[in-house]
Structures are given as C-alpha cells and as structure tokens.
N, C-alpha and C. Protein backbone atom coordinates (compact mmCIF):
# COMPACT_ATOMS: atom_id res chain seq x y z
N UNK A 1 -2.70 11.71 -17.54
CA UNK A 1 -2.40 10.81 -16.46
C UNK A 1 -2.69 11.53 -15.14
N UNK A 2 -3.30 10.83 -14.21
CA UNK A 2 -3.60 11.42 -12.90
C UNK A 2 -3.30 10.40 -11.82
N UNK A 3 -3.24 10.84 -10.58
CA UNK A 3 -2.95 9.97 -9.45
C UNK A 3 -4.21 9.21 -9.05
N UNK A 4 -4.02 7.97 -8.62
CA UNK A 4 -5.13 7.18 -8.10
C UNK A 4 -5.77 7.89 -6.91
N UNK A 5 -5.00 8.75 -6.23
CA UNK A 5 -5.50 9.50 -5.09
C UNK A 5 -6.71 10.34 -5.47
N UNK A 6 -6.75 10.82 -6.70
CA UNK A 6 -7.85 11.66 -7.15
C UNK A 6 -9.16 10.87 -7.26
N UNK A 7 -9.07 9.55 -7.28
CA UNK A 7 -10.24 8.70 -7.48
C UNK A 7 -11.03 8.46 -6.21
N UNK A 8 -10.35 8.37 -5.07
CA UNK A 8 -10.96 8.03 -3.78
C UNK A 8 -11.55 6.63 -3.84
N UNK A 9 -12.83 6.47 -3.53
CA UNK A 9 -13.46 5.15 -3.45
C UNK A 9 -13.81 4.63 -4.85
N UNK A 10 -13.50 3.35 -5.11
CA UNK A 10 -13.79 2.74 -6.41
C UNK A 10 -14.92 1.73 -6.27
N UNK A 11 -15.54 1.40 -7.38
CA UNK A 11 -16.50 0.30 -7.38
C UNK A 11 -15.72 -0.99 -7.19
N UNK A 12 -16.39 -2.06 -6.83
CA UNK A 12 -15.72 -3.35 -6.65
C UNK A 12 -15.07 -3.80 -7.95
N UNK A 13 -15.74 -3.60 -9.07
CA UNK A 13 -15.17 -3.99 -10.38
C UNK A 13 -13.91 -3.20 -10.71
N UNK A 14 -13.95 -1.90 -10.51
CA UNK A 14 -12.76 -1.07 -10.75
C UNK A 14 -11.63 -1.48 -9.82
N UNK A 15 -11.97 -1.70 -8.56
CA UNK A 15 -10.95 -2.07 -7.57
C UNK A 15 -10.27 -3.37 -7.97
N UNK A 16 -11.04 -4.35 -8.41
CA UNK A 16 -10.46 -5.64 -8.83
C UNK A 16 -9.50 -5.44 -10.00
N UNK A 17 -9.96 -4.72 -11.02
CA UNK A 17 -9.14 -4.51 -12.22
C UNK A 17 -7.86 -3.76 -11.89
N UNK A 18 -7.95 -2.73 -11.10
CA UNK A 18 -6.77 -1.94 -10.77
C UNK A 18 -5.86 -2.67 -9.79
N UNK A 19 -6.47 -3.43 -8.88
CA UNK A 19 -5.68 -4.19 -7.92
C UNK A 19 -4.77 -5.19 -8.64
N UNK A 20 -5.31 -5.88 -9.63
CA UNK A 20 -4.52 -6.84 -10.41
C UNK A 20 -3.33 -6.14 -11.06
N UNK A 21 -3.53 -4.95 -11.60
CA UNK A 21 -2.43 -4.22 -12.22
C UNK A 21 -1.35 -3.86 -11.20
N UNK A 22 -1.75 -3.45 -10.01
CA UNK A 22 -0.77 -3.10 -8.97
C UNK A 22 -0.02 -4.35 -8.54
N UNK A 23 -0.71 -5.47 -8.42
CA UNK A 23 -0.05 -6.73 -8.07
C UNK A 23 1.03 -7.06 -9.10
N UNK A 24 0.71 -6.94 -10.37
CA UNK A 24 1.68 -7.23 -11.44
C UNK A 24 2.86 -6.26 -11.39
N UNK A 25 2.59 -5.00 -11.11
CA UNK A 25 3.68 -4.02 -11.02
C UNK A 25 4.61 -4.35 -9.84
N UNK A 26 4.03 -4.68 -8.69
CA UNK A 26 4.85 -5.05 -7.53
C UNK A 26 5.62 -6.34 -7.79
N UNK A 27 5.01 -7.27 -8.49
CA UNK A 27 5.69 -8.52 -8.82
C UNK A 27 6.93 -8.23 -9.67
N UNK A 28 6.80 -7.31 -10.61
CA UNK A 28 7.94 -6.94 -11.46
C UNK A 28 9.06 -6.31 -10.61
N UNK A 29 8.68 -5.46 -9.68
CA UNK A 29 9.67 -4.84 -8.77
C UNK A 29 10.34 -5.91 -7.93
N UNK A 30 9.56 -6.82 -7.38
CA UNK A 30 10.10 -7.88 -6.53
C UNK A 30 10.99 -8.84 -7.32
N UNK A 31 10.64 -9.11 -8.57
CA UNK A 31 11.46 -10.00 -9.39
C UNK A 31 12.85 -9.43 -9.64
N UNK A 32 13.00 -8.13 -9.49
CA UNK A 32 14.31 -7.47 -9.63
C UNK A 32 15.03 -7.39 -8.28
N UNK A 33 14.48 -8.08 -7.27
CA UNK A 33 15.03 -8.10 -5.90
C UNK A 33 15.00 -6.74 -5.22
N UNK A 34 13.94 -5.98 -5.48
CA UNK A 34 13.73 -4.71 -4.81
C UNK A 34 12.50 -4.80 -3.93
N UNK A 35 12.45 -3.94 -2.94
CA UNK A 35 11.27 -3.72 -2.11
C UNK A 35 10.84 -2.27 -2.38
N UNK A 36 9.56 -2.05 -2.64
CA UNK A 36 9.07 -0.73 -3.04
C UNK A 36 8.93 0.22 -1.85
N UNK A 37 8.28 -0.18 -0.79
CA UNK A 37 8.16 0.50 0.50
C UNK A 37 7.35 1.80 0.52
N UNK A 38 6.67 2.15 -0.54
CA UNK A 38 5.91 3.41 -0.52
C UNK A 38 4.61 3.30 -1.33
N UNK A 39 3.95 2.15 -1.22
CA UNK A 39 2.72 1.94 -1.97
C UNK A 39 1.59 2.73 -1.31
N UNK A 40 1.00 3.62 -2.07
CA UNK A 40 -0.14 4.43 -1.64
C UNK A 40 -0.75 5.06 -2.89
N UNK A 41 -2.00 5.49 -2.82
CA UNK A 41 -2.66 6.03 -4.02
C UNK A 41 -1.89 7.16 -4.70
N UNK A 42 -1.24 8.00 -3.92
CA UNK A 42 -0.50 9.13 -4.51
C UNK A 42 0.64 8.68 -5.43
N UNK A 43 1.11 7.45 -5.24
CA UNK A 43 2.22 6.94 -6.03
C UNK A 43 1.79 5.99 -7.14
N UNK A 44 0.51 5.98 -7.43
CA UNK A 44 -0.02 5.17 -8.53
C UNK A 44 -0.66 6.12 -9.53
N UNK A 45 -0.14 6.10 -10.74
CA UNK A 45 -0.66 6.98 -11.79
C UNK A 45 -1.59 6.19 -12.70
N UNK A 46 -2.67 6.84 -13.11
CA UNK A 46 -3.68 6.23 -13.97
C UNK A 46 -3.61 6.89 -15.33
N UNK A 47 -3.38 6.09 -16.38
CA UNK A 47 -3.33 6.61 -17.74
C UNK A 47 -4.73 6.80 -18.30
N UNK A 48 -4.80 7.46 -19.44
CA UNK A 48 -6.10 7.71 -20.08
C UNK A 48 -6.82 6.41 -20.44
N UNK A 49 -6.04 5.34 -20.66
CA UNK A 49 -6.63 4.04 -20.98
C UNK A 49 -6.83 3.18 -19.73
N UNK A 50 -6.73 3.79 -18.55
CA UNK A 50 -6.92 3.14 -17.24
C UNK A 50 -5.80 2.18 -16.86
N UNK A 51 -4.67 2.24 -17.56
CA UNK A 51 -3.53 1.43 -17.11
C UNK A 51 -2.84 2.18 -15.97
N UNK A 52 -2.33 1.41 -15.03
CA UNK A 52 -1.68 1.98 -13.85
C UNK A 52 -0.17 1.89 -13.97
N UNK A 53 0.51 2.86 -13.37
CA UNK A 53 1.97 2.88 -13.33
C UNK A 53 2.39 3.28 -11.92
N UNK A 54 3.38 2.55 -11.38
CA UNK A 54 3.94 2.95 -10.09
C UNK A 54 4.88 4.13 -10.31
N UNK A 55 4.86 5.07 -9.40
CA UNK A 55 5.72 6.25 -9.47
C UNK A 55 6.46 6.40 -8.15
N UNK A 56 7.46 7.23 -8.13
CA UNK A 56 8.22 7.58 -6.93
C UNK A 56 8.90 6.36 -6.30
N UNK A 57 10.04 6.01 -6.85
CA UNK A 57 10.82 4.89 -6.34
C UNK A 57 11.89 5.35 -5.35
N UNK A 58 11.72 6.52 -4.77
CA UNK A 58 12.71 7.09 -3.86
C UNK A 58 12.97 6.27 -2.61
N UNK A 59 11.99 5.48 -2.16
CA UNK A 59 12.17 4.67 -0.96
C UNK A 59 12.46 3.20 -1.28
N UNK A 60 12.44 2.85 -2.56
CA UNK A 60 12.72 1.47 -2.96
C UNK A 60 14.17 1.11 -2.63
N UNK A 61 14.39 -0.14 -2.24
CA UNK A 61 15.73 -0.60 -1.89
C UNK A 61 15.98 -1.98 -2.46
N UNK A 62 17.22 -2.18 -2.89
CA UNK A 62 17.66 -3.48 -3.36
C UNK A 62 17.82 -4.38 -2.13
N UNK A 63 17.35 -5.61 -2.23
CA UNK A 63 17.48 -6.55 -1.12
C UNK A 63 18.77 -7.35 -1.31
N UNK A 64 19.78 -7.01 -0.56
CA UNK A 64 21.06 -7.71 -0.70
C UNK A 64 21.06 -9.04 0.05
N UNK A 65 20.48 -9.08 1.23
CA UNK A 65 20.42 -10.33 1.99
C UNK A 65 18.99 -10.76 2.27
N UNK A 66 18.05 -10.19 1.53
CA UNK A 66 16.65 -10.57 1.67
C UNK A 66 15.86 -9.78 2.69
N UNK A 67 16.52 -8.97 3.50
CA UNK A 67 15.82 -8.19 4.53
C UNK A 67 16.37 -6.77 4.56
N UNK A 68 15.54 -5.83 5.01
CA UNK A 68 15.95 -4.45 5.21
C UNK A 68 15.40 -3.97 6.55
N UNK A 69 15.90 -2.84 7.00
CA UNK A 69 15.40 -2.21 8.22
C UNK A 69 15.15 -0.75 7.93
N UNK A 70 14.57 -0.07 8.88
CA UNK A 70 14.34 1.36 8.75
C UNK A 70 12.88 1.71 8.61
N UNK A 71 12.54 2.87 9.13
CA UNK A 71 11.18 3.37 9.06
C UNK A 71 11.13 4.44 7.98
N UNK A 72 10.24 4.24 7.00
CA UNK A 72 10.07 5.23 5.94
C UNK A 72 8.70 5.04 5.31
N UNK A 73 8.23 6.07 4.65
CA UNK A 73 6.94 5.99 3.99
C UNK A 73 5.85 6.67 4.79
N UNK A 74 4.63 6.35 4.45
CA UNK A 74 3.46 6.94 5.09
C UNK A 74 2.94 6.00 6.18
N UNK A 75 2.76 6.52 7.37
CA UNK A 75 2.40 5.69 8.52
C UNK A 75 1.14 4.86 8.30
N UNK A 76 0.17 5.38 7.57
CA UNK A 76 -1.08 4.66 7.35
C UNK A 76 -0.87 3.36 6.59
N UNK A 77 0.25 3.22 5.88
CA UNK A 77 0.52 2.05 5.05
C UNK A 77 1.63 1.18 5.60
N UNK A 78 2.23 1.56 6.72
CA UNK A 78 3.38 0.83 7.27
C UNK A 78 2.93 -0.45 7.98
N UNK A 79 3.66 -1.51 7.71
CA UNK A 79 3.40 -2.79 8.37
C UNK A 79 3.91 -2.72 9.81
N UNK A 80 3.30 -3.49 10.70
CA UNK A 80 3.71 -3.48 12.11
C UNK A 80 5.20 -3.76 12.31
N UNK A 81 5.80 -4.64 11.50
CA UNK A 81 7.22 -4.94 11.70
C UNK A 81 8.11 -3.73 11.43
N UNK A 82 7.71 -2.87 10.50
CA UNK A 82 8.49 -1.65 10.26
C UNK A 82 8.35 -0.71 11.46
N UNK A 83 7.15 -0.55 11.94
CA UNK A 83 6.91 0.36 13.06
C UNK A 83 7.58 -0.12 14.35
N UNK A 84 7.79 -1.43 14.46
CA UNK A 84 8.45 -1.96 15.66
C UNK A 84 9.95 -2.13 15.45
N UNK A 85 10.47 -1.54 14.36
CA UNK A 85 11.91 -1.50 14.08
C UNK A 85 12.51 -2.88 13.84
N UNK A 86 11.73 -3.83 13.36
CA UNK A 86 12.22 -5.16 13.02
C UNK A 86 12.65 -5.18 11.56
N UNK A 87 13.40 -6.20 11.17
CA UNK A 87 13.74 -6.35 9.76
C UNK A 87 12.50 -6.84 9.02
N UNK A 88 12.45 -6.56 7.74
CA UNK A 88 11.31 -6.97 6.93
C UNK A 88 11.77 -7.25 5.52
N UNK A 89 10.91 -7.89 4.75
CA UNK A 89 11.24 -8.25 3.38
C UNK A 89 10.12 -7.76 2.45
N UNK A 90 10.02 -8.35 1.28
CA UNK A 90 9.04 -7.91 0.29
C UNK A 90 7.60 -8.14 0.75
N UNK A 91 7.41 -8.95 1.76
CA UNK A 91 6.05 -9.13 2.29
C UNK A 91 5.51 -7.82 2.85
N UNK A 92 6.41 -6.90 3.18
CA UNK A 92 5.99 -5.57 3.61
C UNK A 92 5.11 -4.91 2.54
N UNK A 93 5.53 -5.03 1.28
CA UNK A 93 4.76 -4.45 0.18
C UNK A 93 3.39 -5.12 0.06
N UNK A 94 3.31 -6.40 0.38
CA UNK A 94 2.04 -7.12 0.31
C UNK A 94 1.08 -6.57 1.38
N UNK A 95 1.61 -6.29 2.56
CA UNK A 95 0.80 -5.68 3.61
C UNK A 95 0.26 -4.32 3.13
N UNK A 96 1.13 -3.50 2.57
CA UNK A 96 0.72 -2.18 2.05
C UNK A 96 -0.31 -2.33 0.94
N UNK A 97 -0.18 -3.38 0.14
CA UNK A 97 -1.14 -3.66 -0.91
C UNK A 97 -2.52 -3.91 -0.32
N UNK A 98 -2.59 -4.63 0.78
CA UNK A 98 -3.86 -4.86 1.46
C UNK A 98 -4.47 -3.56 1.98
N UNK A 99 -3.62 -2.69 2.52
CA UNK A 99 -4.11 -1.40 3.01
C UNK A 99 -4.64 -0.57 1.83
N UNK A 100 -3.94 -0.62 0.71
CA UNK A 100 -4.38 0.09 -0.50
C UNK A 100 -5.74 -0.43 -0.95
N UNK A 101 -5.91 -1.74 -0.99
CA UNK A 101 -7.19 -2.32 -1.41
C UNK A 101 -8.31 -1.87 -0.48
N UNK A 102 -8.06 -1.90 0.82
CA UNK A 102 -9.05 -1.42 1.79
C UNK A 102 -9.44 0.02 1.46
N UNK A 103 -8.44 0.86 1.22
CA UNK A 103 -8.71 2.27 0.96
C UNK A 103 -9.51 2.50 -0.30
N UNK A 104 -9.19 1.79 -1.37
CA UNK A 104 -9.91 2.04 -2.62
C UNK A 104 -11.33 1.47 -2.58
N UNK A 105 -11.57 0.53 -1.68
CA UNK A 105 -12.93 0.01 -1.53
C UNK A 105 -13.77 0.81 -0.55
N UNK A 106 -13.14 1.30 0.53
CA UNK A 106 -13.88 1.97 1.60
C UNK A 106 -13.83 3.49 1.46
N UNK A 107 -12.75 4.01 0.91
CA UNK A 107 -12.63 5.46 0.74
C UNK A 107 -11.66 6.10 1.72
N UNK A 108 -11.10 5.30 2.63
CA UNK A 108 -10.09 5.79 3.57
C UNK A 108 -9.28 4.60 4.08
N UNK A 109 -8.12 4.86 4.64
CA UNK A 109 -7.31 3.77 5.19
C UNK A 109 -7.95 3.25 6.48
N UNK A 110 -7.62 2.04 6.89
CA UNK A 110 -8.19 1.54 8.13
C UNK A 110 -7.59 2.20 9.37
N UNK A 111 -6.54 2.99 9.19
CA UNK A 111 -5.85 3.60 10.32
C UNK A 111 -5.87 5.11 10.19
N UNK A 112 -7.00 5.71 10.50
CA UNK A 112 -7.14 7.17 10.45
C UNK A 112 -6.95 7.72 11.85
N UNK A 113 -5.87 8.46 12.06
CA UNK A 113 -5.60 9.05 13.35
C UNK A 113 -5.18 10.49 13.20
N UNK A 114 -5.32 11.25 14.26
CA UNK A 114 -4.98 12.67 14.21
C UNK A 114 -3.47 12.89 14.24
N UNK A 115 -2.75 11.96 14.85
CA UNK A 115 -1.30 12.11 14.97
C UNK A 115 -0.62 10.80 14.56
N UNK A 116 0.70 10.86 14.34
CA UNK A 116 1.44 9.64 14.03
C UNK A 116 1.30 8.62 15.15
N UNK A 117 1.34 9.10 16.38
CA UNK A 117 1.21 8.21 17.54
C UNK A 117 -0.13 7.48 17.50
N UNK A 118 -1.21 8.19 17.18
CA UNK A 118 -2.53 7.56 17.06
C UNK A 118 -2.53 6.48 15.99
N UNK A 119 -1.93 6.79 14.85
CA UNK A 119 -1.89 5.84 13.74
C UNK A 119 -1.11 4.60 14.13
N UNK A 120 0.04 4.79 14.76
CA UNK A 120 0.86 3.65 15.20
C UNK A 120 0.07 2.76 16.16
N UNK A 121 -0.67 3.37 17.08
CA UNK A 121 -1.50 2.60 18.02
C UNK A 121 -2.58 1.81 17.28
N UNK A 122 -3.21 2.44 16.28
CA UNK A 122 -4.24 1.76 15.51
C UNK A 122 -3.67 0.60 14.71
N UNK A 123 -2.50 0.77 14.11
CA UNK A 123 -1.86 -0.32 13.37
C UNK A 123 -1.62 -1.51 14.29
N UNK A 124 -1.19 -1.24 15.51
CA UNK A 124 -0.96 -2.30 16.48
C UNK A 124 -2.22 -3.06 16.87
N UNK A 125 -3.37 -2.44 16.72
CA UNK A 125 -4.64 -3.07 17.07
C UNK A 125 -5.19 -3.93 15.94
N UNK A 126 -4.65 -3.78 14.73
CA UNK A 126 -5.12 -4.57 13.59
C UNK A 126 -6.25 -3.89 12.83
N UNK A 127 -6.56 -4.45 11.69
CA UNK A 127 -7.58 -3.88 10.80
C UNK A 127 -8.96 -4.28 11.27
N UNK A 128 -9.85 -3.30 11.31
CA UNK A 128 -11.26 -3.55 11.61
C UNK A 128 -12.05 -3.24 10.35
N UNK A 129 -12.74 -4.25 9.82
CA UNK A 129 -13.49 -4.09 8.59
C UNK A 129 -14.87 -3.53 8.86
N UNK A 130 -15.29 -2.53 8.09
CA UNK A 130 -16.63 -1.96 8.31
C UNK A 130 -17.71 -2.97 7.91
N UNK A 131 -18.83 -2.90 8.57
CA UNK A 131 -19.94 -3.80 8.27
C UNK A 131 -20.47 -3.65 6.84
N UNK A 132 -20.18 -2.52 6.20
CA UNK A 132 -20.65 -2.29 4.84
C UNK A 132 -19.86 -3.07 3.79
N UNK A 133 -18.71 -3.64 4.18
CA UNK A 133 -17.91 -4.42 3.22
C UNK A 133 -18.56 -5.78 3.00
N UNK A 134 -18.68 -6.16 1.73
CA UNK A 134 -19.24 -7.46 1.42
C UNK A 134 -18.12 -8.50 1.31
N UNK A 135 -18.45 -9.76 1.30
CA UNK A 135 -17.44 -10.80 1.16
C UNK A 135 -16.80 -10.75 -0.22
N UNK A 136 -17.52 -10.17 -1.20
CA UNK A 136 -16.94 -10.02 -2.55
C UNK A 136 -15.74 -9.11 -2.49
C-alpha cells in the first residue's frame, strides 16, 4: 500500500476511477454524520489492487448541529469559508474533493504559494484552470 501522493499526475482514466472511490469513501463518512476535513493525496492510500482507503481521521469531527468551525488541515485544500472563520458543513469536503481532482489531473494544487498568506490570497481569488485541461 502506498500514498496517492506518490502518484502525482494521473491519466484521465485513472483519475476518474480513483475519484469515484474517494467520493464513495467520503459518502460513507458523511452518512455517519462526520466531516473529514483533511482530504489530500497524503491521506489516501492505494492498495496493490488499486483500491483506495482514506487514512488519518485526526481532524474528522462529528456534526452535532450540522455545522462546525475552526481552521485545520492543509491550506491548499481549505475552502474559503474555513479560511474566513465561518461555520461550514460537509460541503467543505466536497470543495476539497474538487481541489484533489484538480491536483491529480494537473500535477499540483491550484493554489501554489510560497507562504500560507500567499495561499490564502490565491484561494480568495478562485480556481484558474490551465488551458491544457480538456472538457473531459
């Protein structure tokens, strides 16, 4: 078993197959009324048969009233509402899922900055898709 991080950029076919597995894993977490809050390649393990497993639930939280607060995780994957100190729900994980998909298709996150401050500024500006990305 190895981390998805070791893979870097995937083909579109690999990305689709693995993306579906991550969606199902997050759905299982959400069905238990948890928010994962730390989706990134380093926390996705790939088995010898190419099945994926989520790892490191240290930042996961039970949703008692449907919303949580607090800043945690990796800045490159944080949704704007977390960075602006607003409450958020499981849709936060969906945002991180989109960042993950971008990374596995392009080879890096859309928010590459030298400092946390740079990354936060880039997140506020929104995602810019490279011209090399196809509609597929």
